Amino acid sequence: MRDVNVNSVRAIDRAIDLLNVFSVEHPVLTIDEIVAKTKLPKTTAYRILYTLELRGLIQYDQKNQNYRLGLKLLEYAGTLTTLLDVRQEAEEILINLQTNTKQTVIMAVIEQETFVYVFLRENPVGFKYSSYIGLRRPINFGVLGQVIMAHLTEDELERLLQKHPLVRMTSKTVTDLDVLRVRFKKIKEERVYADMEETYEGGIAIGAPIYDAEGKLIAALAILGPAVQLDGDRLEPAKLMVKEAASQISLKMGFKEAFGGVRL
């Protein structure tokens, strides 16, 4: 945890203190029990509980007049578990990919309309990218964005682009949606895509999708490097290595080719 000269928000501290009184031993509590454990005024505890209830973090049983943790917390737990699991399962494969390609390797997990970098291993020489572990990008950014968008439904894609219009990053960036639809279909079929200087001038990125046991897209990985090191005869071998690495991670996450399709 960081040590910064900033005061915490009292209302949030109180809400967290309130959530922390629930445990395996005490999964259900009355308002009086919560007040006794938190030492909060009853009216304050009630307001916090009601706010948390509105957000799905607390459930209230009107019949028995008691409280329990809400199902929304399961979503948070699932997100964290997925992030940790895929990062742990992928690390050795990603390190090998960086060693074999001698290019920067990144991996990101998907969170709603964004993705977050959870792995970054840079090539010590050559291109340097303004990325770091924990950086959050809009879901349509760069090579990973192309891979992710390929798995969206048409409605999801339209909603996304209304909120996050495509931006021309270089003179080679494609923003024509009809052209992109054809590209997305190919990405989904081939499970690999090469960004040829569309995000970075003089840079090539090759990305591939990662699926879980249900065939759901949960992450994507990519290598990034100078065009002079990845174009020409070197492009296809690099694409194969990226695709194979993503396939190995998907397999570790329980994905089976016989699943019969993938979904986001």
C-alpha atoms as a PDB file:
ATOM      1  CA  MET A   1       0.000   0.000   0.000  1.00  0.00           C
ATOM      2  CA  ARG A   2       1.236   3.497  -0.847  1.00  0.00           C
ATOM      3  CA  ASP A   3       2.238   5.949   1.856  1.00  0.00           C
ATOM      4  CA  VAL A   4       0.923   9.301   0.622  1.00  0.00           C
ATOM      5  CA  ASN A   5       0.082  12.530   2.393  1.00  0.00           C
ATOM      6  CA  VAL A   6      -3.667  12.362   1.704  1.00  0.00           C
ATOM      7  CA  ASN A   7      -6.474  12.010   4.204  1.00  0.00           C
ATOM      8  CA  SER A   8      -8.864   9.122   3.704  1.00  0.00           C
ATOM      9  CA  VAL A   9     -12.573   9.733   3.099  1.00  0.00           C
ATOM     10  CA  ARG A  10     -14.372   9.253   6.389  1.00  0.00           C
ATOM     11  CA  ALA A  11     -17.660   8.035   4.877  1.00  0.00           C
ATOM     12  CA  ILE A  12     -15.849   5.387   2.832  1.00  0.00           C
ATOM     13  CA  ASP A  13     -13.804   4.311   5.861  1.00  0.00           C
ATOM     14  CA  ARG A  14     -17.033   3.835   7.784  1.00  0.00           C
ATOM     15  CA  ALA A  15     -18.637   1.849   4.961  1.00  0.00           C
ATOM     16  CA  ILE A  16     -15.619  -0.469   4.790  1.00  0.00           C
ATOM     17  CA  ASP A  17     -15.598  -0.863   8.571  1.00  0.00           C
ATOM     18  CA  LEU A  18     -19.231  -1.858   8.340  1.00  0.00           C
ATOM     19  CA  LEU A  19     -18.602  -4.438   5.615  1.00  0.00           C
ATOM     20  CA  ASN A  20     -15.720  -5.852   7.635  1.00  0.00           C
ATOM     21  CA  VAL A  21     -17.947  -6.848  10.546  1.00  0.00           C
ATOM     22  CA  PHE A  22     -19.424  -9.654   8.442  1.00  0.00           C
ATOM     23  CA  SER A  23     -17.502 -12.922   8.559  1.00  0.00           C
ATOM     24  CA  VAL A  24     -17.838 -16.666   8.127  1.00  0.00           C
ATOM     25  CA  GLU A  25     -18.726 -16.869  11.819  1.00  0.00           C
ATOM     26  CA  HIS A  26     -21.189 -13.958  11.582  1.00  0.00           C
ATOM     27  CA  PRO A  27     -22.605 -13.850   8.026  1.00  0.00           C
ATOM     28  CA  VAL A  28     -25.955 -12.383   9.131  1.00  0.00           C
ATOM     29  CA  LEU A  29     -26.303  -9.447  11.526  1.00  0.00           C
ATOM     30  CA  THR A  30     -29.031  -7.199  12.849  1.00  0.00           C
ATOM     31  CA  ILE A  31     -28.699  -3.413  12.899  1.00  0.00           C
ATOM     32  CA  ASP A  32     -28.069  -3.512  16.658  1.00  0.00           C
ATOM     33  CA  GLU A  33     -25.273  -6.074  16.239  1.00  0.00           C
ATOM     34  CA  ILE A  34     -23.688  -3.974  13.512  1.00  0.00           C
ATOM     35  CA  VAL A  35     -23.857  -0.848  15.672  1.00  0.00           C
ATOM     36  CA  ALA A  36     -22.294  -2.719  18.588  1.00  0.00           C
ATOM     37  CA  LYS A  37     -19.416  -3.981  16.429  1.00  0.00           C
ATOM     38  CA  THR A  38     -18.719  -0.724  14.545  1.00  0.00           C
ATOM     39  CA  LYS A  39     -19.511   1.757  17.381  1.00  0.00           C
ATOM     40  CA  LEU A  40     -21.291   3.865  14.768  1.00  0.00           C
ATOM     41  CA  PRO A  41     -24.399   5.878  15.636  1.00  0.00           C
ATOM     42  CA  LYS A  42     -27.462   3.867  14.682  1.00  0.00           C
ATOM     43  CA  THR A  43     -28.717   6.480  12.218  1.00  0.00           C
ATOM     44  CA  THR A  44     -25.306   6.624  10.518  1.00  0.00           C
ATOM     45  CA  ALA A  45     -25.079   2.832  10.291  1.00  0.00           C
ATOM     46  CA  TYR A  46     -28.574   2.669   8.836  1.00  0.00           C
ATOM     47  CA  ARG A  47     -27.794   5.278   6.145  1.00  0.00           C
ATOM     48  CA  ILE A  48     -24.600   3.467   5.155  1.00  0.00           C
ATOM     49  CA  LEU A  49     -26.385   0.104   5.068  1.00  0.00           C
ATOM     50  CA  TYR A  50     -29.146   1.498   2.890  1.00  0.00           C
ATOM     51  CA  THR A  51     -26.629   3.044   0.475  1.00  0.00           C
ATOM     52  CA  LEU A  52     -24.720  -0.239   0.237  1.00  0.00           C
ATOM     53  CA  GLU A  53     -28.000  -2.071  -0.264  1.00  0.00           C
ATOM     54  CA  LEU A  54     -28.859   0.208  -3.204  1.00  0.00           C
ATOM     55  CA  ARG A  55     -25.481  -0.663  -4.781  1.00  0.00           C
ATOM     56  CA  GLY A  56     -25.855  -4.403  -4.258  1.00  0.00           C
ATOM     57  CA  LEU A  57     -23.122  -4.677  -1.622  1.00  0.00           C
ATOM     58  CA  ILE A  58     -25.569  -5.464   1.202  1.00  0.00           C
ATOM     59  CA  GLN A  59     -28.754  -7.554   1.250  1.00  0.00           C
ATOM     60  CA  TYR A  60     -31.562  -6.791   3.694  1.00  0.00           C
ATOM     61  CA  ASP A  61     -33.969  -9.496   4.835  1.00  0.00           C
ATOM     62  CA  GLN A  62     -37.145  -7.594   5.573  1.00  0.00           C
ATOM     63  CA  LYS A  63     -38.867 -10.572   7.173  1.00  0.00           C
ATOM     64  CA  ASN A  64     -36.115 -11.268   9.700  1.00  0.00           C
ATOM     65  CA  GLN A  65     -34.840  -7.674   9.771  1.00  0.00           C
ATOM     66  CA  ASN A  66     -31.195  -8.571   9.348  1.00  0.00           C
ATOM     67  CA  TYR A  67     -28.371  -7.918   6.898  1.00  0.00           C
ATOM     68  CA  ARG A  68     -25.879  -9.987   4.916  1.00  0.00           C
ATOM     69  CA  LEU A  69     -23.245  -9.233   2.280  1.00  0.00           C
ATOM     70  CA  GLY A  70     -24.628  -8.587  -1.210  1.00  0.00           C
ATOM     71  CA  LEU A  71     -24.034 -10.554  -4.378  1.00  0.00           C
ATOM     72  CA  LYS A  72     -22.237  -7.615  -6.002  1.00  0.00           C
ATOM     73  CA  LEU A  73     -19.196  -8.588  -3.942  1.00  0.00           C
ATOM     74  CA  LEU A  74     -19.084 -11.892  -5.813  1.00  0.00           C
ATOM     75  CA  GLU A  75     -18.564  -9.954  -9.034  1.00  0.00           C
ATOM     76  CA  TYR A  76     -15.577  -8.185  -7.497  1.00  0.00           C
ATOM     77  CA  ALA A  77     -14.195 -11.470  -6.238  1.00  0.00           C
ATOM     78  CA  GLY A  78     -14.664 -13.071  -9.641  1.00  0.00           C
ATOM     79  CA  THR A  79     -12.868 -10.213 -11.369  1.00  0.00           C
ATOM     80  CA  LEU A  80      -9.928 -10.403  -8.981  1.00  0.00           C
ATOM     81  CA  THR A  81      -9.743 -14.197  -9.178  1.00  0.00           C
ATOM     82  CA  THR A  82      -9.721 -14.093 -12.973  1.00  0.00           C
ATOM     83  CA  LEU A  83      -7.035 -11.428 -12.973  1.00  0.00           C
ATOM     84  CA  LEU A  84      -4.817 -13.322 -10.555  1.00  0.00           C
ATOM     85  CA  ASP A  85      -5.401 -16.730 -12.139  1.00  0.00           C
ATOM     86  CA  VAL A  86      -4.682 -15.726 -15.722  1.00  0.00           C
ATOM     87  CA  ARG A  87      -1.619 -13.689 -14.663  1.00  0.00           C
ATOM     88  CA  GLN A  88      -0.247 -16.621 -12.678  1.00  0.00           C
ATOM     89  CA  GLU A  89      -0.954 -19.212 -15.370  1.00  0.00           C
ATOM     90  CA  ALA A  90       0.435 -17.005 -18.135  1.00  0.00           C
ATOM     91  CA  GLU A  91       3.669 -15.721 -16.635  1.00  0.00           C
ATOM     92  CA  GLU A  92       6.052 -18.493 -17.707  1.00  0.00           C
ATOM     93  CA  ILE A  93       4.546 -18.629 -21.195  1.00  0.00           C
ATOM     94  CA  LEU A  94       4.816 -14.851 -21.594  1.00  0.00           C
ATOM     95  CA  ILE A  95       8.432 -14.811 -20.410  1.00  0.00           C
ATOM     96  CA  ASN A  96       9.254 -17.525 -22.949  1.00  0.00           C
ATOM     97  CA  LEU A  97       7.479 -15.529 -25.655  1.00  0.00           C
ATOM     98  CA  GLN A  98       9.582 -12.478 -24.853  1.00  0.00           C
ATOM     99  CA  THR A  99      12.756 -14.580 -24.876  1.00  0.00           C
ATOM    100  CA  ASN A 100      11.916 -16.181 -28.218  1.00  0.00           C
ATOM    101  CA  THR A 101      10.699 -13.062 -30.014  1.00  0.00           C
ATOM    102  CA  LYS A 102      13.042 -10.592 -28.313  1.00  0.00           C
ATOM    103  CA  GLN A 103      10.205  -8.061 -28.337  1.00  0.00           C
ATOM    104  CA  THR A 104       8.143  -6.361 -25.649  1.00  0.00           C
ATOM    105  CA  VAL A 105       5.303  -8.580 -24.389  1.00  0.00           C
ATOM    106  CA  ILE A 106       2.098  -7.307 -22.786  1.00  0.00           C
ATOM    107  CA  MET A 107      -1.076  -8.934 -21.513  1.00  0.00           C
ATOM    108  CA  ALA A 108      -4.290  -7.288 -20.384  1.00  0.00           C
ATOM    109  CA  VAL A 109      -7.515  -8.445 -18.771  1.00  0.00           C
ATOM    110  CA  ILE A 110     -10.901  -7.068 -19.751  1.00  0.00           C
ATOM    111  CA  GLU A 111     -12.964  -4.963 -17.362  1.00  0.00           C
ATOM    112  CA  GLN A 112     -16.238  -3.787 -18.907  1.00  0.00           C
ATOM    113  CA  GLU A 113     -15.336  -1.163 -21.532  1.00  0.00           C
ATOM    114  CA  THR A 114     -11.651  -1.067 -20.652  1.00  0.00           C
ATOM    115  CA  PHE A 115      -8.695  -3.376 -20.385  1.00  0.00           C
ATOM    116  CA  VAL A 116      -5.943  -3.322 -17.764  1.00  0.00           C
ATOM    117  CA  TYR A 117      -2.325  -4.354 -18.276  1.00  0.00           C
ATOM    118  CA  VAL A 118      -1.403  -7.141 -15.853  1.00  0.00           C
ATOM    119  CA  PHE A 119       1.890  -8.200 -17.466  1.00  0.00           C
ATOM    120  CA  LEU A 120       4.634  -6.187 -19.162  1.00  0.00           C
ATOM    121  CA  ARG A 121       8.091  -7.358 -20.082  1.00  0.00           C
ATOM    122  CA  GLU A 122       9.980  -4.899 -22.236  1.00  0.00           C
ATOM    123  CA  ASN A 123      12.753  -5.540 -24.683  1.00  0.00           C
ATOM    124  CA  PRO A 124      15.804  -3.824 -23.140  1.00  0.00           C
ATOM    125  CA  VAL A 125      16.680  -2.239 -26.509  1.00  0.00           C
ATOM    126  CA  GLY A 126      14.541  -0.787 -29.272  1.00  0.00           C
ATOM    127  CA  PHE A 127      11.017   0.591 -28.937  1.00  0.00           C
ATOM    128  CA  LYS A 128       9.878   1.907 -25.549  1.00  0.00           C
ATOM    129  CA  TYR A 129       6.149   2.120 -24.947  1.00  0.00           C
ATOM    130  CA  SER A 130       4.270   4.358 -22.516  1.00  0.00           C
ATOM    131  CA  SER A 131       2.667   1.421 -20.725  1.00  0.00           C
ATOM    132  CA  TYR A 132       2.921  -0.044 -17.237  1.00  0.00           C
ATOM    133  CA  ILE A 133       1.242  -2.735 -15.168  1.00  0.00           C
ATOM    134  CA  GLY A 134      -2.067  -1.401 -13.906  1.00  0.00           C
ATOM    135  CA  LEU A 135      -2.547   1.045 -16.800  1.00  0.00           C
ATOM    136  CA  ARG A 136      -6.159   1.095 -17.985  1.00  0.00           C
ATOM    137  CA  ARG A 137      -6.970   1.671 -21.653  1.00  0.00           C
ATOM    138  CA  PRO A 138     -10.268   2.092 -23.522  1.00  0.00           C
ATOM    139  CA  ILE A 139     -11.301  -1.204 -25.047  1.00  0.00           C
ATOM    140  CA  ASN A 140     -10.714   0.048 -28.610  1.00  0.00           C
ATOM    141  CA  PHE A 141      -7.065   1.007 -28.073  1.00  0.00           C
ATOM    142  CA  GLY A 142      -4.276  -0.537 -30.138  1.00  0.00           C
ATOM    143  CA  VAL A 143      -3.763  -4.146 -31.109  1.00  0.00           C
ATOM    144  CA  LEU A 144      -5.389  -5.504 -27.956  1.00  0.00           C
ATOM    145  CA  GLY A 145      -8.413  -3.358 -28.678  1.00  0.00           C
ATOM    146  CA  GLN A 146      -8.719  -4.828 -32.162  1.00  0.00           C
ATOM    147  CA  VAL A 147      -8.606  -8.353 -30.751  1.00  0.00           C
ATOM    148  CA  ILE A 148     -11.198  -7.551 -28.089  1.00  0.00           C
ATOM    149  CA  MET A 149     -13.559  -5.665 -30.420  1.00  0.00           C
ATOM    150  CA  ALA A 150     -13.552  -8.662 -32.763  1.00  0.00           C
ATOM    151  CA  HIS A 151     -15.420 -10.573 -30.057  1.00  0.00           C
ATOM    152  CA  LEU A 152     -18.130  -7.981 -29.446  1.00  0.00           C
ATOM    153  CA  THR A 153     -21.652  -8.352 -30.786  1.00  0.00           C
ATOM    154  CA  GLU A 154     -22.794  -5.740 -33.275  1.00  0.00           C
ATOM    155  CA  ASP A 155     -24.869  -3.975 -30.595  1.00  0.00           C
ATOM    156  CA  GLU A 156     -21.958  -3.995 -28.147  1.00  0.00           C
ATOM    157  CA  LEU A 157     -19.638  -2.621 -30.821  1.00  0.00           C
ATOM    158  CA  GLU A 158     -22.013   0.209 -31.739  1.00  0.00           C
ATOM    159  CA  ARG A 159     -22.529   1.193 -28.104  1.00  0.00           C
ATOM    160  CA  LEU A 160     -18.793   1.144 -27.497  1.00  0.00           C
ATOM    161  CA  LEU A 161     -17.958   3.308 -30.488  1.00  0.00           C
ATOM    162  CA  GLN A 162     -20.641   5.824 -29.559  1.00  0.00           C
ATOM    163  CA  LYS A 163     -18.921   6.327 -26.211  1.00  0.00           C
ATOM    164  CA  HIS A 164     -15.349   5.847 -27.444  1.00  0.00           C
ATOM    165  CA  PRO A 165     -15.045   6.839 -31.122  1.00  0.00           C
ATOM    166  CA  LEU A 166     -12.103   5.434 -33.053  1.00  0.00           C
ATOM    167  CA  VAL A 167      -9.106   7.751 -33.105  1.00  0.00           C
ATOM    168  CA  ARG A 168      -6.577   7.996 -35.928  1.00  0.00           C
ATOM    169  CA  MET A 169      -3.254   7.304 -34.207  1.00  0.00           C
ATOM    170  CA  THR A 170      -1.063   7.264 -37.319  1.00  0.00           C
ATOM    171  CA  SER A 171      -1.461   7.800 -41.055  1.00  0.00           C
ATOM    172  CA  LYS A 172      -2.142   4.036 -41.360  1.00  0.00           C
ATOM    173  CA  THR A 173      -4.889   3.765 -38.736  1.00  0.00           C
ATOM    174  CA  VAL A 174      -8.101   2.275 -40.121  1.00  0.00           C
ATOM    175  CA  THR A 175     -11.295   3.889 -38.811  1.00  0.00           C
ATOM    176  CA  ASP A 176     -13.761   2.766 -41.499  1.00  0.00           C
ATOM    177  CA  LEU A 177     -16.216   0.532 -39.648  1.00  0.00           C
ATOM    178  CA  ASP A 178     -17.071  -1.575 -42.714  1.00  0.00           C
ATOM    179  CA  VAL A 179     -13.398  -2.355 -43.225  1.00  0.00           C
ATOM    180  CA  LEU A 180     -13.041  -3.123 -39.542  1.00  0.00           C
ATOM    181  CA  ARG A 181     -15.995  -5.513 -39.534  1.00  0.00           C
ATOM    182  CA  VAL A 182     -14.250  -7.611 -42.186  1.00  0.00           C
ATOM    183  CA  ARG A 183     -11.061  -7.468 -40.128  1.00  0.00           C
ATOM    184  CA  PHE A 184     -12.848  -8.468 -36.920  1.00  0.00           C
ATOM    185  CA  LYS A 185     -14.350 -11.525 -38.584  1.00  0.00           C
ATOM    186  CA  LYS A 186     -10.878 -12.602 -39.717  1.00  0.00           C
ATOM    187  CA  ILE A 187      -9.391 -12.007 -36.258  1.00  0.00           C
ATOM    188  CA  LYS A 188     -12.036 -14.172 -34.639  1.00  0.00           C
ATOM    189  CA  GLU A 189     -11.422 -16.943 -37.174  1.00  0.00           C
ATOM    190  CA  GLU A 190      -7.605 -16.816 -37.115  1.00  0.00           C
ATOM    191  CA  ARG A 191      -7.201 -15.806 -33.441  1.00  0.00           C
ATOM    192  CA  VAL A 192      -4.258 -13.556 -34.220  1.00  0.00           C
ATOM    193  CA  TYR A 193      -3.849 -10.056 -35.647  1.00  0.00           C
ATOM    194  CA  ALA A 194      -0.928  -7.876 -36.722  1.00  0.00           C
ATOM    195  CA  ASP A 195      -1.175  -4.109 -36.228  1.00  0.00           C
ATOM    196  CA  MET A 196       1.037  -2.724 -39.004  1.00  0.00           C
ATOM    197  CA  GLU A 197       2.001   0.744 -37.723  1.00  0.00           C
ATOM    198  CA  GLU A 198      -1.643   1.661 -37.013  1.00  0.00           C
ATOM    199  CA  THR A 199      -0.973   2.584 -33.388  1.00  0.00           C
ATOM    200  CA  TYR A 200       2.703   3.551 -33.413  1.00  0.00           C
ATOM    201  CA  GLU A 201       4.648   4.976 -36.339  1.00  0.00           C
ATOM    202  CA  GLY A 202       7.421   2.520 -37.121  1.00  0.00           C
ATOM    203  CA  GLY A 203       5.999  -0.109 -34.784  1.00  0.00           C
ATOM    204  CA  ILE A 204       4.283  -3.447 -35.342  1.00  0.00           C
ATOM    205  CA  ALA A 205       2.171  -5.204 -32.728  1.00  0.00           C
ATOM    206  CA  ILE A 206       0.811  -8.738 -32.903  1.00  0.00           C
ATOM    207  CA  GLY A 207      -2.077  -9.689 -30.640  1.00  0.00           C
ATOM    208  CA  ALA A 208      -4.106 -12.798 -29.817  1.00  0.00           C
ATOM    209  CA  PRO A 209      -7.128 -13.630 -27.624  1.00  0.00           C
ATOM    210  CA  ILE A 210      -7.181 -15.675 -24.416  1.00  0.00           C
ATOM    211  CA  TYR A 211     -10.311 -17.632 -23.437  1.00  0.00           C
ATOM    212  CA  ASP A 212     -11.549 -19.276 -20.259  1.00  0.00           C
ATOM    213  CA  ALA A 213     -13.155 -22.674 -19.722  1.00  0.00           C
ATOM    214  CA  GLU A 214     -16.510 -21.384 -20.985  1.00  0.00           C
ATOM    215  CA  GLY A 215     -15.024 -19.996 -24.171  1.00  0.00           C
ATOM    216  CA  LYS A 216     -15.340 -16.433 -22.911  1.00  0.00           C
ATOM    217  CA  LEU A 217     -12.709 -13.893 -23.900  1.00  0.00           C
ATOM    218  CA  ILE A 218     -11.011 -12.873 -20.646  1.00  0.00           C
ATOM    219  CA  ALA A 219      -7.686 -11.407 -21.772  1.00  0.00           C
ATOM    220  CA  ALA A 220      -5.450 -10.695 -24.718  1.00  0.00           C
ATOM    221  CA  LEU A 221      -1.703 -10.662 -25.211  1.00  0.00           C
ATOM    222  CA  ALA A 222       0.596  -9.005 -27.706  1.00  0.00           C
ATOM    223  CA  ILE A 223       4.182  -8.448 -28.709  1.00  0.00           C
ATOM    224  CA  LEU A 224       5.336  -5.008 -29.811  1.00  0.00           C
ATOM    225  CA  GLY A 225       8.472  -4.072 -31.666  1.00  0.00           C
ATOM    226  CA  PRO A 226      10.090  -2.005 -34.414  1.00  0.00           C
ATOM    227  CA  ALA A 227       8.686  -2.649 -37.878  1.00  0.00           C
ATOM    228  CA  VAL A 228      12.181  -3.382 -39.196  1.00  0.00           C
ATOM    229  CA  GLN A 229      12.363  -6.371 -36.824  1.00  0.00           C
ATOM    230  CA  LEU A 230       8.900  -7.798 -37.437  1.00  0.00           C
ATOM    231  CA  ASP A 231       7.942  -7.131 -41.043  1.00  0.00           C
ATOM    232  CA  GLY A 232       8.657  -9.169 -44.176  1.00  0.00           C
ATOM    233  CA  ASP A 233       9.580 -12.808 -43.679  1.00  0.00           C
ATOM    234  CA  ARG A 234       9.666 -12.391 -39.894  1.00  0.00           C
ATOM    235  CA  LEU A 235       5.986 -11.483 -39.555  1.00  0.00           C
ATOM    236  CA  GLU A 236       4.349 -14.897 -40.005  1.00  0.00           C
ATOM    237  CA  PRO A 237       6.712 -16.772 -37.629  1.00  0.00           C
ATOM    238  CA  ALA A 238       6.083 -14.072 -35.016  1.00  0.00           C
ATOM    239  CA  LYS A 239       2.303 -14.376 -35.491  1.00  0.00           C
ATOM    240  CA  LEU A 240       2.528 -18.128 -34.990  1.00  0.00           C
ATOM    241  CA  MET A 241       4.483 -17.697 -31.747  1.00  0.00           C
ATOM    242  CA  VAL A 242       1.960 -15.178 -30.399  1.00  0.00           C
ATOM    243  CA  LYS A 243      -0.994 -17.347 -31.357  1.00  0.00           C
ATOM    244  CA  GLU A 244       0.596 -20.419 -29.800  1.00  0.00           C
ATOM    245  CA  ALA A 245       1.342 -18.574 -26.559  1.00  0.00           C
ATOM    246  CA  ALA A 246      -2.267 -17.386 -26.316  1.00  0.00           C
ATOM    247  CA  SER A 247      -3.515 -20.909 -27.059  1.00  0.00           C
ATOM    248  CA  GLN A 248      -1.322 -22.355 -24.297  1.00  0.00           C
ATOM    249  CA  ILE A 249      -2.661 -19.843 -21.768  1.00  0.00           C
ATOM    250  CA  SER A 250      -6.253 -20.508 -22.856  1.00  0.00           C
ATOM    251  CA  LEU A 251      -5.644 -24.212 -22.399  1.00  0.00           C
ATOM    252  CA  LYS A 252      -4.365 -23.571 -18.874  1.00  0.00           C
ATOM    253  CA  MET A 253      -7.521 -21.576 -18.188  1.00  0.00           C
ATOM    254  CA  GLY A 254      -9.612 -24.591 -19.198  1.00  0.00           C
ATOM    255  CA  PHE A 255     -10.507 -23.642 -22.773  1.00  0.00           C
ATOM    256  CA  LYS A 256     -11.114 -26.536 -25.144  1.00  0.00           C
ATOM    257  CA  GLU A 257     -11.162 -26.222 -28.909  1.00  0.00           C
ATOM    258  CA  ALA A 258     -14.243 -28.445 -28.993  1.00  0.00           C
ATOM    259  CA  PHE A 259     -16.203 -25.898 -26.981  1.00  0.00           C
ATOM    260  CA  GLY A 260     -18.040 -24.855 -30.121  1.00  0.00           C
ATOM    261  CA  GLY A 261     -17.404 -21.155 -30.293  1.00  0.00           C
ATOM    262  CA  VAL A 262     -16.289 -18.277 -28.151  1.00  0.00           C
ATOM    263  CA  ARG A 263     -18.101 -15.390 -26.584  1.00  0.00           C
ATOM    264  CA  LEU A 264     -17.350 -12.174 -24.771  1.00  0.00           C
END
